[in-house]
N, C-alpha and C. Protein backbone atom coordinates (compact mmCIF):
# COMPACT_ATOMS: atom_id res chain seq x y z
N UNK A 1 172.68 160.74 11.45
CA UNK A 1 171.60 160.37 12.91
C UNK A 1 172.10 158.80 13.04
N UNK A 2 171.78 157.51 12.17
CA UNK A 2 172.21 156.68 12.56
C UNK A 2 173.58 156.50 12.83
N UNK A 3 174.63 157.21 12.57
CA UNK A 3 176.08 156.92 13.17
C UNK A 3 176.07 156.97 14.98
N UNK A 4 175.04 158.06 15.30
CA UNK A 4 175.15 158.66 16.47
C UNK A 4 174.57 157.43 17.41
N UNK A 5 173.38 156.96 16.98
CA UNK A 5 172.82 156.32 17.73
C UNK A 5 173.29 154.69 17.54
N UNK A 6 174.08 154.48 16.62
CA UNK A 6 175.01 152.87 16.46
C UNK A 6 176.21 153.53 17.63
N UNK A 7 176.54 154.48 17.70
CA UNK A 7 177.51 154.66 18.31
C UNK A 7 177.25 154.86 20.13
N UNK A 8 175.96 155.34 20.25
CA UNK A 8 175.48 155.64 22.01
C UNK A 8 174.93 153.62 22.14
N UNK A 9 174.39 153.07 21.17
CA UNK A 9 174.22 151.85 21.37
C UNK A 9 175.65 151.04 21.86
N UNK A 10 176.59 151.17 20.70
CA UNK A 10 178.08 150.30 21.07
C UNK A 10 178.37 150.97 22.42
N UNK A 11 178.17 152.00 23.16
CA UNK A 11 178.72 152.41 24.11
C UNK A 11 178.00 151.98 25.60
N UNK A 12 176.72 151.56 25.18
CA UNK A 12 175.84 150.83 26.26
C UNK A 12 176.28 149.72 26.22
N UNK A 13 176.02 149.01 25.20
CA UNK A 13 176.88 147.38 25.24
C UNK A 13 177.90 147.22 25.92
N UNK A 14 178.96 148.36 25.79
CA UNK A 14 180.23 148.13 26.21
C UNK A 14 180.23 148.48 27.55
N UNK A 15 179.36 149.35 28.21
CA UNK A 15 179.41 149.46 29.82
C UNK A 15 178.50 148.07 30.36
N UNK A 16 177.64 147.70 29.79
CA UNK A 16 176.77 146.11 30.13
C UNK A 16 177.77 145.33 30.17
N UNK A 17 178.54 145.43 29.21
CA UNK A 17 179.37 144.17 29.12
C UNK A 17 180.48 144.18 30.30
N UNK A 18 181.22 145.23 30.39
CA UNK A 18 182.24 145.94 31.30
C UNK A 18 181.79 145.33 32.83
N UNK A 19 180.72 145.77 33.30
CA UNK A 19 179.38 145.51 34.33
C UNK A 19 179.22 143.84 35.06
N UNK A 20 178.88 143.22 33.50
CA UNK A 20 178.65 142.10 33.65
C UNK A 20 179.72 141.24 33.88
N UNK A 21 180.85 141.32 32.83
CA UNK A 21 181.98 139.78 32.34
C UNK A 21 182.99 140.60 33.19
N UNK A 22 183.53 141.70 33.39
CA UNK A 22 184.94 142.14 33.71
C UNK A 22 184.91 143.80 34.43
N UNK A 23 185.73 143.77 34.67
CA UNK A 23 186.49 145.16 35.18
C UNK A 23 187.87 145.60 35.15
N UNK A 24 187.69 147.10 34.72
CA UNK A 24 189.36 147.52 34.50
C UNK A 24 190.22 147.53 35.93
N UNK A 25 191.25 147.04 35.57
CA UNK A 25 192.04 147.25 37.20
C UNK A 25 193.57 147.32 36.47
N UNK A 26 194.36 147.90 37.60
CA UNK A 26 195.75 148.19 37.54
C UNK A 26 196.74 147.07 37.80
N UNK A 27 197.25 146.52 36.67
CA UNK A 27 198.11 145.06 36.93
C UNK A 27 199.37 145.67 37.94
N UNK A 28 199.88 144.68 38.63
CA UNK A 28 199.20 143.25 38.95
C UNK A 28 197.95 143.41 40.07
N UNK A 29 196.95 142.99 39.93
CA UNK A 29 195.63 142.88 40.83
C UNK A 29 195.12 141.39 41.40
N UNK A 30 194.86 141.19 42.62
CA UNK A 30 194.51 140.42 43.12
C UNK A 30 192.81 140.59 43.77
N UNK A 31 192.35 141.61 43.22
CA UNK A 31 191.07 141.65 44.10
C UNK A 31 189.63 141.20 43.83
N UNK A 32 190.18 140.39 42.18
CA UNK A 32 189.08 139.82 41.84
C UNK A 32 188.62 138.63 42.59
N UNK A 33 187.38 137.99 43.00
CA UNK A 33 187.21 136.65 43.57
C UNK A 33 186.15 135.92 43.01
N UNK A 34 185.90 135.12 43.03
CA UNK A 34 185.16 134.28 42.62
C UNK A 34 184.45 133.10 43.74
N UNK A 35 183.03 132.66 44.19
CA UNK A 35 182.82 131.21 44.71
C UNK A 35 182.57 130.16 44.11
N UNK A 36 182.91 129.29 44.53
CA UNK A 36 182.56 128.07 43.96
C UNK A 36 181.65 127.48 44.80
N UNK A 37 180.48 126.66 44.00
CA UNK A 37 179.63 126.05 45.01
C UNK A 37 179.21 124.78 44.44
N UNK A 38 179.23 123.68 45.30
CA UNK A 38 178.80 122.48 45.07
C UNK A 38 177.88 122.19 45.57
N UNK A 39 176.99 121.88 44.48
CA UNK A 39 175.41 121.73 45.14
C UNK A 39 175.38 120.29 44.96
N UNK A 40 174.98 119.80 46.35
CA UNK A 40 174.88 118.48 46.32
C UNK A 40 173.15 117.98 46.58
N UNK A 41 172.70 117.08 45.57
CA UNK A 41 171.44 116.76 45.66
C UNK A 41 171.12 115.42 47.22
N UNK A 42 170.49 115.33 47.58
CA UNK A 42 169.81 114.17 48.59
C UNK A 42 170.31 112.79 47.89
N UNK A 43 171.05 111.44 48.49
CA UNK A 43 171.50 110.95 47.49
C UNK A 43 172.01 109.79 48.51
N UNK A 44 172.64 108.65 47.61
CA UNK A 44 172.79 107.73 48.31
C UNK A 44 173.42 106.73 47.32
N UNK A 45 174.06 105.10 47.27
CA UNK A 45 174.42 104.45 46.45
C UNK A 45 173.98 103.28 47.23
N UNK A 46 173.12 102.70 46.13
CA UNK A 46 172.10 101.25 46.07
C UNK A 46 172.50 99.83 45.81
N UNK A 47 173.11 98.66 46.75
CA UNK A 47 173.18 97.37 45.99
C UNK A 47 171.90 96.65 46.34
N UNK A 48 171.15 96.16 45.55
CA UNK A 48 170.16 95.14 46.06
C UNK A 48 170.40 93.59 45.23
N UNK A 49 169.58 92.96 45.60
CA UNK A 49 170.03 91.54 45.31
C UNK A 49 169.55 91.78 43.73
N UNK A 50 169.93 90.86 42.68
CA UNK A 50 169.42 90.83 41.50
C UNK A 50 168.42 89.80 41.14
N UNK A 51 168.40 88.54 42.51
CA UNK A 51 167.47 87.93 42.26
C UNK A 51 167.27 87.76 43.60
N UNK A 52 166.34 87.00 44.30
CA UNK A 52 165.81 86.24 45.18
C UNK A 52 164.97 85.26 44.77
N UNK A 53 165.74 83.94 45.48
CA UNK A 53 164.90 82.58 45.15
C UNK A 53 164.64 81.73 45.77
N UNK A 54 163.43 81.48 45.85
CA UNK A 54 162.57 80.46 46.60
C UNK A 54 162.94 79.21 45.96
N UNK A 55 163.52 78.32 46.59
CA UNK A 55 163.43 76.96 46.12
C UNK A 55 162.44 75.86 46.83
N UNK A 56 161.21 75.91 46.08
CA UNK A 56 160.06 75.27 46.80
C UNK A 56 160.37 74.04 46.38
N UNK A 57 160.32 73.13 47.64
CA UNK A 57 160.62 71.25 47.81
C UNK A 57 159.27 70.86 48.16
N UNK A 58 157.98 71.94 48.85
CA UNK A 58 156.95 71.46 49.07
C UNK A 58 156.28 72.62 48.96
N UNK A 59 155.17 72.57 47.85
CA UNK A 59 154.35 73.55 48.12
C UNK A 59 153.08 73.70 49.39
N UNK A 60 153.36 72.82 49.57
CA UNK A 60 152.16 72.81 51.14
C UNK A 60 152.76 73.63 52.19
N UNK A 61 154.27 73.73 52.17
CA UNK A 61 154.53 74.45 53.43
C UNK A 61 155.48 75.78 52.84
N UNK A 62 155.29 77.07 53.87
CA UNK A 62 156.59 78.02 53.39
C UNK A 62 157.42 77.62 53.10
N UNK A 63 158.48 78.57 52.15
CA UNK A 63 159.34 78.12 52.35
C UNK A 63 160.35 80.30 51.83
N UNK A 64 161.45 79.77 53.01
CA UNK A 64 162.09 80.69 53.12
C UNK A 64 163.10 81.10 51.99
N UNK A 65 163.45 81.88 51.24
CA UNK A 65 164.82 82.26 50.73
C UNK A 65 166.24 82.89 51.20
N UNK A 66 167.18 82.00 50.87
CA UNK A 66 168.38 82.69 51.59
C UNK A 66 168.56 84.04 51.75
N UNK A 67 169.06 84.29 52.82
CA UNK A 67 169.06 85.80 53.31
C UNK A 67 169.55 86.60 52.13
N UNK A 68 168.83 87.91 51.97
CA UNK A 68 169.24 88.94 50.91
C UNK A 68 170.09 89.75 51.58
N UNK A 69 171.37 90.09 50.79
CA UNK A 69 171.75 91.22 51.65
C UNK A 69 171.95 92.80 50.36
N UNK A 70 171.58 93.61 51.03
CA UNK A 70 171.36 94.89 50.56
C UNK A 70 172.35 95.92 51.36
N UNK A 71 173.06 97.03 50.52
CA UNK A 71 173.71 97.67 50.77
C UNK A 71 173.43 99.15 50.41
N UNK A 72 173.34 99.93 51.45
CA UNK A 72 173.39 101.74 50.79
C UNK A 72 174.54 102.62 51.62
N UNK A 73 174.99 103.43 50.52
CA UNK A 73 176.30 103.93 51.33
C UNK A 73 176.10 105.40 50.62
N UNK A 74 177.17 105.79 51.18
CA UNK A 74 177.35 107.23 50.63
C UNK A 74 175.86 107.97 50.77
N UNK A 75 175.52 108.00 52.15
CA UNK A 75 174.23 108.51 52.41
C UNK A 75 174.44 110.41 52.51
N UNK A 76 173.72 111.05 51.79
CA UNK A 76 173.64 112.27 52.01
C UNK A 76 171.99 112.71 51.98
N UNK A 77 171.98 113.65 53.04
CA UNK A 77 170.71 114.00 53.33
C UNK A 77 170.70 115.51 53.76
N UNK A 78 169.26 116.14 53.48
CA UNK A 78 169.58 117.52 54.01
C UNK A 78 169.87 117.96 55.41
N UNK A 79 169.72 117.36 56.13
CA UNK A 79 169.61 117.69 57.86
C UNK A 79 170.26 116.40 58.35
N UNK A 80 170.68 116.51 59.52
CA UNK A 80 171.12 115.92 60.18
C UNK A 80 169.82 115.11 61.00
N UNK A 81 168.80 115.18 61.20
CA UNK A 81 167.64 114.49 61.32
C UNK A 81 167.08 113.57 60.67
N UNK A 82 167.26 113.88 59.46
CA UNK A 82 166.24 113.19 58.17
C UNK A 82 166.93 111.61 58.41
N UNK A 83 166.40 111.37 57.91
CA UNK A 83 166.25 109.38 57.77
C UNK A 83 166.36 109.31 56.39
N UNK A 84 167.14 107.92 56.46
CA UNK A 84 166.84 107.41 54.97
C UNK A 84 165.78 105.93 55.07
N UNK A 85 164.97 105.80 54.09
CA UNK A 85 163.58 104.99 54.10
C UNK A 85 164.01 103.71 53.03
N UNK A 86 164.11 102.31 53.35
CA UNK A 86 164.04 101.77 52.18
C UNK A 86 162.79 101.10 51.94
N UNK A 87 162.03 100.54 50.94
CA UNK A 87 160.88 100.02 50.57
C UNK A 87 160.80 99.33 49.49
N UNK A 88 160.07 98.42 49.26
CA UNK A 88 159.50 97.63 48.46
C UNK A 88 158.64 97.39 47.99
N UNK A 89 158.28 97.33 46.78
CA UNK A 89 156.77 97.36 45.92
C UNK A 89 156.93 96.07 44.99
N UNK A 90 155.71 94.79 44.78
CA UNK A 90 155.92 93.99 43.87
C UNK A 90 155.05 94.83 42.62
N UNK A 91 155.81 94.31 41.41
CA UNK A 91 155.64 94.60 39.96
C UNK A 91 153.73 94.45 39.56
N UNK A 92 153.43 93.15 40.15
CA UNK A 92 152.13 92.67 39.75
C UNK A 92 151.65 92.25 40.73
N UNK A 93 150.01 91.77 40.54
CA UNK A 93 149.34 91.12 41.62
C UNK A 93 149.44 90.06 42.08
N UNK A 94 150.12 89.08 40.78
CA UNK A 94 150.60 87.78 41.00
C UNK A 94 151.89 87.53 40.11
N UNK A 95 152.65 86.35 40.97
CA UNK A 95 153.57 86.01 39.78
C UNK A 95 153.23 85.86 38.53
N UNK A 96 154.31 85.59 37.93
CA UNK A 96 153.67 84.72 36.20
C UNK A 96 154.23 83.22 36.37
N UNK A 97 153.16 82.40 35.94
CA UNK A 97 153.38 80.89 35.96
C UNK A 97 154.40 80.17 35.23
N UNK A 98 154.96 79.28 35.03
CA UNK A 98 155.45 78.94 34.05
C UNK A 98 154.66 78.51 32.50
N UNK A 99 153.62 78.37 32.74
CA UNK A 99 152.44 78.12 31.63
C UNK A 99 151.46 78.95 31.79
N UNK A 100 151.31 79.33 30.66
CA UNK A 100 150.10 80.54 30.73
C UNK A 100 148.67 79.99 31.65
N UNK A 101 148.01 80.50 32.53
CA UNK A 101 147.02 80.02 33.18
C UNK A 101 146.84 79.72 34.26
N UNK A 102 148.04 78.83 34.53
CA UNK A 102 148.52 78.17 35.78
C UNK A 102 148.13 78.70 36.92
N UNK A 103 147.81 78.30 38.08
CA UNK A 103 147.68 78.69 39.23
C UNK A 103 149.12 79.14 39.78
N UNK A 104 149.16 79.90 40.79
CA UNK A 104 150.33 80.46 41.41
C UNK A 104 150.71 81.01 42.27
N UNK A 105 151.32 82.25 42.96
CA UNK A 105 151.41 83.03 44.13
C UNK A 105 151.03 84.05 43.64
N UNK A 106 150.11 84.98 44.91
CA UNK A 106 149.80 86.45 44.56
C UNK A 106 151.00 87.27 45.59
N UNK A 107 151.10 88.27 44.72
CA UNK A 107 152.17 88.94 45.49
C UNK A 107 152.22 89.08 46.62
N UNK A 108 150.52 89.14 47.98
CA UNK A 108 150.67 89.26 49.28
C UNK A 108 151.41 88.24 49.70
N UNK A 109 151.63 87.21 49.03
CA UNK A 109 152.15 85.66 49.49
C UNK A 109 153.74 86.08 49.96
N UNK A 110 154.11 86.77 49.45
CA UNK A 110 155.86 87.04 50.60
C UNK A 110 155.80 88.21 51.07
N UNK A 111 156.60 87.78 52.12
CA UNK A 111 156.44 88.64 53.24
C UNK A 111 158.05 88.49 53.37
N UNK A 112 158.11 89.33 55.09
CA UNK A 112 159.82 89.32 55.21
C UNK A 112 159.93 89.64 57.10
N UNK A 113 160.59 89.68 57.32
CA UNK A 113 160.53 90.09 59.00
C UNK A 113 161.71 90.88 59.19
N UNK A 114 162.07 91.27 60.25
CA UNK A 114 162.89 92.77 60.25
C UNK A 114 164.50 92.41 60.11
N UNK A 115 165.04 91.45 59.97
CA UNK A 115 166.42 91.10 59.93
C UNK A 115 166.94 91.74 60.81
N UNK A 116 168.48 91.74 60.49
CA UNK A 116 169.50 92.53 61.38
C UNK A 116 170.24 93.69 60.68
N UNK A 117 169.84 94.72 60.95
CA UNK A 117 170.49 95.99 60.25
C UNK A 117 171.89 96.65 60.98
N UNK A 118 172.51 97.47 60.16
CA UNK A 118 173.96 98.06 60.06
C UNK A 118 173.06 99.50 60.18
N UNK A 119 173.43 100.30 61.18
CA UNK A 119 172.62 101.51 61.57
C UNK A 119 171.49 101.76 60.97
N UNK A 120 170.48 100.79 61.43
CA UNK A 120 169.04 100.89 60.83
C UNK A 120 167.99 99.85 61.83
N UNK A 121 166.57 100.27 61.31
CA UNK A 121 166.26 99.19 62.08
C UNK A 121 165.07 98.93 60.82
N UNK A 122 165.07 97.52 60.49
CA UNK A 122 164.03 96.50 60.16
C UNK A 122 162.45 96.49 60.07
N UNK A 123 161.65 96.41 59.23
CA UNK A 123 160.39 96.67 59.29
C UNK A 123 159.90 95.03 58.97
N UNK A 124 158.87 94.33 59.56
CA UNK A 124 158.09 93.36 58.88
C UNK A 124 157.26 93.60 57.95
N UNK A 125 157.07 92.78 56.74
CA UNK A 125 156.20 93.31 55.78
C UNK A 125 155.54 92.43 54.95
N UNK A 126 154.84 92.74 54.28
CA UNK A 126 154.18 91.97 53.37
C UNK A 126 154.32 92.87 51.70
N UNK A 127 154.68 92.08 50.96
CA UNK A 127 154.63 92.44 49.89
C UNK A 127 153.25 92.82 49.18
N UNK A 128 153.16 94.18 48.35
CA UNK A 128 152.15 94.72 47.70
C UNK A 128 152.44 95.11 46.54
N UNK A 129 151.47 95.19 45.55
CA UNK A 129 151.54 95.59 44.18
C UNK A 129 151.29 97.02 44.04
N UNK A 130 150.25 97.75 45.15
CA UNK A 130 149.80 98.99 45.15
C UNK A 130 150.54 100.02 45.98
N UNK A 131 150.89 99.44 46.36
CA UNK A 131 151.89 100.55 47.17
C UNK A 131 153.40 100.46 48.03
N UNK A 132 153.97 100.80 48.23
CA UNK A 132 155.26 100.17 49.04
C UNK A 132 155.23 99.68 50.17
N UNK A 133 155.77 98.91 50.54
CA UNK A 133 155.97 98.60 51.80
C UNK A 133 157.56 98.93 52.38
N UNK A 134 157.40 99.46 53.64
CA UNK A 134 158.88 99.50 54.36
C UNK A 134 159.62 98.35 54.59
N UNK A 135 161.00 98.24 54.13
CA UNK A 135 161.89 97.06 54.55
C UNK A 135 162.77 97.84 55.46
N UNK A 136 162.91 99.02 55.95
CA UNK A 136 164.34 99.25 56.94
C UNK A 136 164.00 100.76 56.98
N UNK A 137 164.70 101.40 58.00
CA UNK A 137 164.71 103.03 58.32
C UNK A 137 166.36 102.96 58.88
N UNK A 138 167.01 104.28 58.27
CA UNK A 138 168.47 104.15 58.93
C UNK A 138 168.11 105.36 60.13
N UNK A 139 169.13 104.64 60.88
CA UNK A 139 168.97 106.02 61.99
C UNK A 139 169.43 106.99 61.40
N UNK A 140 169.53 108.13 62.12
CA UNK A 140 169.46 109.52 61.77
C UNK A 140 171.25 110.01 61.28
N UNK A 141 171.53 110.80 60.26
CA UNK A 141 172.78 110.99 60.28
C UNK A 141 173.75 110.18 59.66
N UNK A 142 173.53 108.86 59.57
CA UNK A 142 174.54 107.87 58.84
C UNK A 142 174.84 107.95 57.67
N UNK A 143 176.03 107.11 57.87
CA UNK A 143 176.78 107.39 56.14
C UNK A 143 176.22 106.10 55.13
N UNK A 144 175.86 104.94 56.07
CA UNK A 144 175.70 103.52 55.47
C UNK A 144 174.59 102.86 56.33
N UNK A 145 173.71 101.94 55.38
CA UNK A 145 172.39 101.33 55.95
C UNK A 145 172.77 99.73 54.99
N UNK A 146 172.98 98.98 56.16
CA UNK A 146 173.00 97.60 55.65
C UNK A 146 172.63 96.40 55.88
N UNK A 147 172.30 95.00 55.34
CA UNK A 147 172.10 94.13 56.15
C UNK A 147 172.62 92.74 55.24
N UNK A 148 172.75 91.54 55.70
CA UNK A 148 173.39 90.43 54.91
C UNK A 148 172.80 89.25 55.22
N UNK A 149 171.02 90.17 56.05
CA UNK A 149 170.29 88.90 56.50
C UNK A 149 168.94 89.05 56.60
N UNK A 150 168.36 89.38 55.35
CA UNK A 150 166.81 90.09 55.22
C UNK A 150 166.32 88.79 54.84
N UNK A 151 165.34 87.81 55.59
CA UNK A 151 164.93 86.66 55.35
C UNK A 151 163.38 86.93 54.71
N UNK A 152 163.35 86.49 53.21
CA UNK A 152 161.96 86.63 52.54
C UNK A 152 161.14 85.44 52.13
N UNK A 153 160.54 85.34 52.63
CA UNK A 153 159.40 84.12 53.08
C UNK A 153 158.12 83.68 51.78
N UNK A 154 158.03 82.68 51.30
CA UNK A 154 157.04 82.79 50.08
C UNK A 154 155.83 81.78 50.85
N UNK A 155 154.74 82.11 51.02
CA UNK A 155 153.55 81.07 51.59
C UNK A 155 153.34 80.12 50.99
N UNK A 156 152.42 78.87 51.93
CA UNK A 156 152.50 77.34 51.21
C UNK A 156 151.19 77.82 50.27
N UNK A 157 151.30 77.11 48.86
CA UNK A 157 150.17 77.03 48.29
C UNK A 157 150.01 75.71 47.32
N UNK A 158 149.51 74.76 48.12
CA UNK A 158 148.95 73.60 47.82
C UNK A 158 148.23 73.30 46.71
N UNK A 159 147.56 74.87 46.17
CA UNK A 159 146.95 74.19 44.95
C UNK A 159 147.69 74.69 43.41
N UNK A 160 149.01 75.13 43.80
CA UNK A 160 150.10 75.62 42.44
C UNK A 160 150.16 73.83 41.76
N UNK A 161 149.85 73.74 40.96
CA UNK A 161 150.64 72.45 40.37
C UNK A 161 151.41 72.17 38.86
N UNK A 162 151.85 73.30 38.67
CA UNK A 162 153.26 73.27 37.53
C UNK A 162 154.32 73.86 38.22
N UNK A 163 155.45 72.96 38.01
CA UNK A 163 156.42 72.99 37.96
C UNK A 163 157.42 74.22 37.28
N UNK A 164 158.42 74.70 37.57
CA UNK A 164 158.91 75.49 37.23
C UNK A 164 159.54 76.93 37.51
N UNK A 165 159.92 78.09 36.93
CA UNK A 165 159.88 79.25 37.41
C UNK A 165 158.59 79.74 37.61
N UNK A 166 158.30 80.40 38.79
CA UNK A 166 157.35 81.25 38.69
C UNK A 166 157.55 82.44 39.00
N UNK A 167 157.74 83.82 38.73
CA UNK A 167 158.50 85.10 38.70
C UNK A 167 157.47 85.84 38.89
N UNK A 168 158.28 87.14 39.81
CA UNK A 168 157.51 88.27 39.71
C UNK A 168 158.64 89.16 40.14
N UNK A 169 158.63 90.60 39.48
CA UNK A 169 159.80 91.58 39.92
C UNK A 169 159.16 92.23 40.85
N UNK A 170 160.03 92.92 41.18
CA UNK A 170 160.30 94.00 42.54
C UNK A 170 160.90 95.32 41.86
N UNK A 171 160.52 96.40 42.86
CA UNK A 171 160.79 97.61 42.87
C UNK A 171 161.60 97.90 44.52
N UNK A 172 162.26 98.70 44.44
CA UNK A 172 163.31 99.03 45.80
C UNK A 172 162.77 100.62 45.66
N UNK A 173 162.60 101.47 46.48
CA UNK A 173 162.34 102.75 47.13
C UNK A 173 163.34 103.12 48.15
N UNK A 174 164.08 103.90 47.74
CA UNK A 174 164.69 104.76 48.69
C UNK A 174 164.90 106.02 48.80
N UNK A 175 164.21 106.72 50.22
CA UNK A 175 163.87 108.37 50.10
C UNK A 175 164.30 108.69 51.53
N UNK A 176 164.14 110.00 51.68
CA UNK A 176 164.70 110.72 53.03
C UNK A 176 163.58 111.08 53.29
N UNK A 177 162.74 110.45 54.84
CA UNK A 177 161.96 111.14 55.85
C UNK A 177 162.34 111.74 56.96
N UNK A 178 161.48 112.90 57.75
CA UNK A 178 161.87 113.58 58.71
C UNK A 178 161.99 114.89 57.85
N UNK A 179 162.76 115.34 58.89
CA UNK A 179 162.81 116.93 58.64
C UNK A 179 164.51 117.18 59.35
């Protein structure tokens, strides 16, 4: 009885294997086909500046950093009407001063103007540590978005009394918008 059950089980496994992994064909044969699928996620390649430096020569006046350059290429989105949006957010409410407890700039003291963009439109904004602020939005169905002229500004702050590097990290966000 066990031998019959084992033979029946082997026959069933053999049938399942043939239906899932192969078929008996007469040689030569070219009737077997497969489909190749390349699954592409929404994506891009982005290059942002490692540092943006404000050379503050007068704490009582606004300081403009050298124009920042950003490049986004190889943009692939789900539809031709979707757009790529670039945003930025500060990592903290305040810069870290060179000496603990010293007066420094707040995240909201950093602003930018729209700048000049290739394949997109810039937005004027103020840096925040609680939400991302839009920097630029790409035109629909483009492969690149770039600028060499994004002007960041640091507000005047006459109460700053310590020289040295006051630092603040930022995070860039790229996302698709629209349908």
